Amino acid sequence: MMCRNCMVAAGVLPCVRIWSDKCSSKYGRRRPFILAVSLMISVAVTIIGFSADIGYLLGDADEDHRNFKGT
């Protein structure tokens, strides 16, 4: 999994760097990208927090997902 993340980052980061270098926003070159990534991370963390409920709504197993019993 970590290898795949590194490979994706190796492909995505140069593209983002090129886009940010060509960006001519009134907020600067990097700030719009930092804001966009921050919002995406916030949404992802929120979804992770509700992942058990989302799984239950999508038809996951019959066990009760609201009562955490530990790992």
N, C-alpha and C. Protein backbone atom coordinates (compact mmCIF):
# COMPACT_ATOMS: atom_id res chain seq x y z
N MET A 1 0.82 -1.18 0.00
CA MET A 1 0.00 0.00 0.00
C MET A 1 0.87 1.25 0.00
N MET A 2 1.91 1.24 0.82
CA MET A 2 2.78 2.41 0.88
C MET A 2 3.52 2.63 -0.43
N CYS A 3 3.87 1.55 -1.09
CA CYS A 3 4.55 1.66 -2.38
C CYS A 3 3.63 2.32 -3.41
N ARG A 4 2.37 1.91 -3.39
CA ARG A 4 1.41 2.49 -4.31
C ARG A 4 1.23 3.98 -4.04
N ASN A 5 1.17 4.36 -2.75
CA ASN A 5 1.04 5.78 -2.41
C ASN A 5 2.24 6.58 -2.91
N CYS A 6 3.42 6.01 -2.76
CA CYS A 6 4.63 6.69 -3.24
C CYS A 6 4.61 6.85 -4.75
N MET A 7 4.13 5.83 -5.44
CA MET A 7 4.07 5.90 -6.90
C MET A 7 3.06 6.95 -7.35
N VAL A 8 1.91 7.02 -6.67
CA VAL A 8 0.91 8.03 -7.02
C VAL A 8 1.46 9.42 -6.73
N ALA A 9 2.11 9.58 -5.57
CA ALA A 9 2.68 10.89 -5.23
C ALA A 9 3.76 11.30 -6.24
N ALA A 10 4.55 10.35 -6.70
CA ALA A 10 5.60 10.66 -7.67
C ALA A 10 5.00 11.14 -8.99
N GLY A 11 3.78 10.73 -9.31
CA GLY A 11 3.14 11.18 -10.53
C GLY A 11 2.32 12.45 -10.35
N VAL A 12 1.70 12.60 -9.18
CA VAL A 12 0.79 13.72 -8.95
C VAL A 12 1.54 14.99 -8.54
N LEU A 13 2.51 14.85 -7.67
CA LEU A 13 3.20 16.04 -7.15
C LEU A 13 3.87 16.89 -8.23
N PRO A 14 4.55 16.31 -9.21
CA PRO A 14 5.11 17.18 -10.26
C PRO A 14 4.03 17.94 -11.04
N CYS A 15 2.90 17.30 -11.27
CA CYS A 15 1.80 17.99 -11.97
C CYS A 15 1.28 19.16 -11.14
N VAL A 16 1.09 18.94 -9.84
CA VAL A 16 0.61 20.01 -8.97
C VAL A 16 1.63 21.13 -8.90
N ARG A 17 2.89 20.79 -8.86
CA ARG A 17 3.93 21.83 -8.84
C ARG A 17 3.89 22.68 -10.10
N ILE A 18 3.72 22.04 -11.24
CA ILE A 18 3.65 22.78 -12.50
C ILE A 18 2.43 23.69 -12.52
N TRP A 19 1.27 23.14 -12.08
CA TRP A 19 0.04 23.95 -12.05
C TRP A 19 0.19 25.13 -11.10
N SER A 20 0.79 24.89 -9.94
CA SER A 20 0.91 25.97 -8.97
C SER A 20 1.93 27.02 -9.44
N ASP A 21 2.95 26.61 -10.16
CA ASP A 21 3.91 27.58 -10.69
C ASP A 21 3.28 28.47 -11.76
N LYS A 22 2.32 27.94 -12.49
CA LYS A 22 1.65 28.72 -13.54
C LYS A 22 0.43 29.48 -13.03
N CYS A 23 0.06 29.25 -11.77
CA CYS A 23 -1.12 29.90 -11.20
C CYS A 23 -0.85 31.39 -10.97
N SER A 24 -1.78 32.22 -11.36
CA SER A 24 -1.62 33.66 -11.16
C SER A 24 -2.80 34.23 -10.38
N SER A 25 -3.13 33.56 -9.29
CA SER A 25 -4.24 33.99 -8.45
C SER A 25 -3.84 35.21 -7.63
N LYS A 26 -4.82 35.99 -7.24
CA LYS A 26 -4.52 37.15 -6.40
C LYS A 26 -4.12 36.73 -4.99
N TYR A 27 -4.35 35.45 -4.65
CA TYR A 27 -3.97 34.93 -3.34
C TYR A 27 -2.58 34.31 -3.35
N GLY A 28 -1.94 34.31 -4.46
CA GLY A 28 -0.60 33.75 -4.56
C GLY A 28 -0.60 32.46 -5.36
N ARG A 29 0.55 31.85 -5.47
CA ARG A 29 0.68 30.64 -6.26
C ARG A 29 0.29 29.40 -5.49
N ARG A 30 0.64 29.33 -4.21
CA ARG A 30 0.46 28.10 -3.44
C ARG A 30 -0.82 28.08 -2.62
N ARG A 31 -1.30 29.21 -2.17
CA ARG A 31 -2.44 29.24 -1.25
C ARG A 31 -3.71 28.60 -1.80
N PRO A 32 -4.09 28.80 -3.06
CA PRO A 32 -5.30 28.11 -3.55
C PRO A 32 -5.17 26.59 -3.50
N PHE A 33 -3.99 26.09 -3.76
CA PHE A 33 -3.78 24.64 -3.72
C PHE A 33 -3.79 24.13 -2.28
N ILE A 34 -3.20 24.88 -1.37
CA ILE A 34 -3.23 24.49 0.03
C ILE A 34 -4.67 24.47 0.54
N LEU A 35 -5.46 25.44 0.16
CA LEU A 35 -6.87 25.49 0.57
C LEU A 35 -7.64 24.31 -0.01
N ALA A 36 -7.45 24.02 -1.28
CA ALA A 36 -8.18 22.93 -1.91
C ALA A 36 -7.82 21.58 -1.27
N VAL A 37 -6.54 21.35 -1.04
CA VAL A 37 -6.12 20.09 -0.43
C VAL A 37 -6.63 20.00 1.01
N SER A 38 -6.62 21.11 1.74
CA SER A 38 -7.13 21.11 3.11
C SER A 38 -8.61 20.75 3.15
N LEU A 39 -9.38 21.29 2.22
CA LEU A 39 -10.81 20.96 2.17
C LEU A 39 -11.03 19.49 1.82
N MET A 40 -10.25 18.96 0.88
CA MET A 40 -10.39 17.55 0.52
C MET A 40 -10.03 16.64 1.69
N ILE A 41 -8.99 16.99 2.43
CA ILE A 41 -8.60 16.19 3.59
C ILE A 41 -9.68 16.26 4.67
N SER A 42 -10.27 17.43 4.87
CA SER A 42 -11.34 17.56 5.87
C SER A 42 -12.54 16.69 5.51
N VAL A 43 -12.91 16.67 4.25
CA VAL A 43 -14.03 15.83 3.81
C VAL A 43 -13.68 14.35 3.98
N ALA A 44 -12.46 13.97 3.63
CA ALA A 44 -12.04 12.58 3.76
C ALA A 44 -12.05 12.12 5.21
N VAL A 45 -11.55 12.95 6.12
CA VAL A 45 -11.53 12.59 7.53
C VAL A 45 -12.95 12.48 8.08
N THR A 46 -13.84 13.35 7.65
CA THR A 46 -15.24 13.26 8.07
C THR A 46 -15.87 11.97 7.57
N ILE A 47 -15.62 11.60 6.34
CA ILE A 47 -16.16 10.35 5.79
C ILE A 47 -15.60 9.15 6.55
N ILE A 48 -14.32 9.19 6.89
CA ILE A 48 -13.73 8.08 7.65
C ILE A 48 -14.42 7.96 9.01
N GLY A 49 -14.75 9.08 9.62
CA GLY A 49 -15.43 9.05 10.91
C GLY A 49 -16.79 8.40 10.84
N PHE A 50 -17.47 8.51 9.73
CA PHE A 50 -18.79 7.93 9.56
C PHE A 50 -18.77 6.66 8.70
N SER A 51 -17.61 6.06 8.54
CA SER A 51 -17.49 4.92 7.63
C SER A 51 -18.33 3.72 8.07
N ALA A 52 -18.43 3.46 9.36
CA ALA A 52 -19.25 2.33 9.82
C ALA A 52 -20.72 2.56 9.49
N ASP A 53 -21.20 3.78 9.72
CA ASP A 53 -22.60 4.08 9.40
C ASP A 53 -22.85 4.04 7.90
N ILE A 54 -21.91 4.53 7.12
CA ILE A 54 -22.05 4.49 5.66
C ILE A 54 -22.07 3.04 5.18
N GLY A 55 -21.19 2.23 5.73
CA GLY A 55 -21.19 0.81 5.38
C GLY A 55 -22.49 0.13 5.73
N TYR A 56 -23.04 0.46 6.89
CA TYR A 56 -24.32 -0.13 7.30
C TYR A 56 -25.44 0.29 6.34
N LEU A 57 -25.44 1.57 5.95
CA LEU A 57 -26.47 2.05 5.02
C LEU A 57 -26.34 1.42 3.64
N LEU A 58 -25.12 1.05 3.27
CA LEU A 58 -24.89 0.44 1.96
C LEU A 58 -25.06 -1.08 1.98
N GLY A 59 -25.50 -1.62 3.13
CA GLY A 59 -25.81 -3.05 3.19
C GLY A 59 -24.71 -3.91 3.76
N ASP A 60 -23.88 -3.35 4.61
CA ASP A 60 -22.83 -4.13 5.25
C ASP A 60 -23.45 -5.20 6.15
N ALA A 61 -22.65 -6.01 6.80
CA ALA A 61 -23.12 -7.14 7.61
C ALA A 61 -24.17 -6.71 8.63
N ASP A 62 -24.85 -7.69 9.21
CA ASP A 62 -25.95 -7.43 10.12
C ASP A 62 -25.52 -7.00 11.52
N GLU A 63 -24.24 -7.01 11.81
CA GLU A 63 -23.80 -6.63 13.15
C GLU A 63 -24.05 -5.15 13.41
N ASP A 64 -24.17 -4.81 14.67
CA ASP A 64 -24.46 -3.43 15.06
C ASP A 64 -23.18 -2.61 14.98
N HIS A 65 -23.13 -1.62 14.09
CA HIS A 65 -21.92 -0.82 13.89
C HIS A 65 -21.84 0.36 14.84
N ARG A 66 -22.87 0.63 15.57
CA ARG A 66 -22.86 1.81 16.43
C ARG A 66 -22.18 1.54 17.77
N ASN A 67 -22.02 0.28 18.15
CA ASN A 67 -21.38 -0.05 19.41
C ASN A 67 -19.97 -0.59 19.14
N PHE A 68 -18.98 0.24 19.40
CA PHE A 68 -17.59 -0.14 19.17
C PHE A 68 -17.13 -1.07 20.28
N LYS A 69 -16.64 -2.24 19.93
CA LYS A 69 -16.22 -3.22 20.93
C LYS A 69 -14.72 -3.39 20.98
N GLY A 70 -13.98 -2.55 20.34
CA GLY A 70 -12.51 -2.63 20.36
C GLY A 70 -11.98 -3.46 19.21
N THR A 71 -10.66 -3.54 19.13
CA THR A 71 -10.05 -4.25 18.01
C THR A 71 -9.76 -5.68 18.31
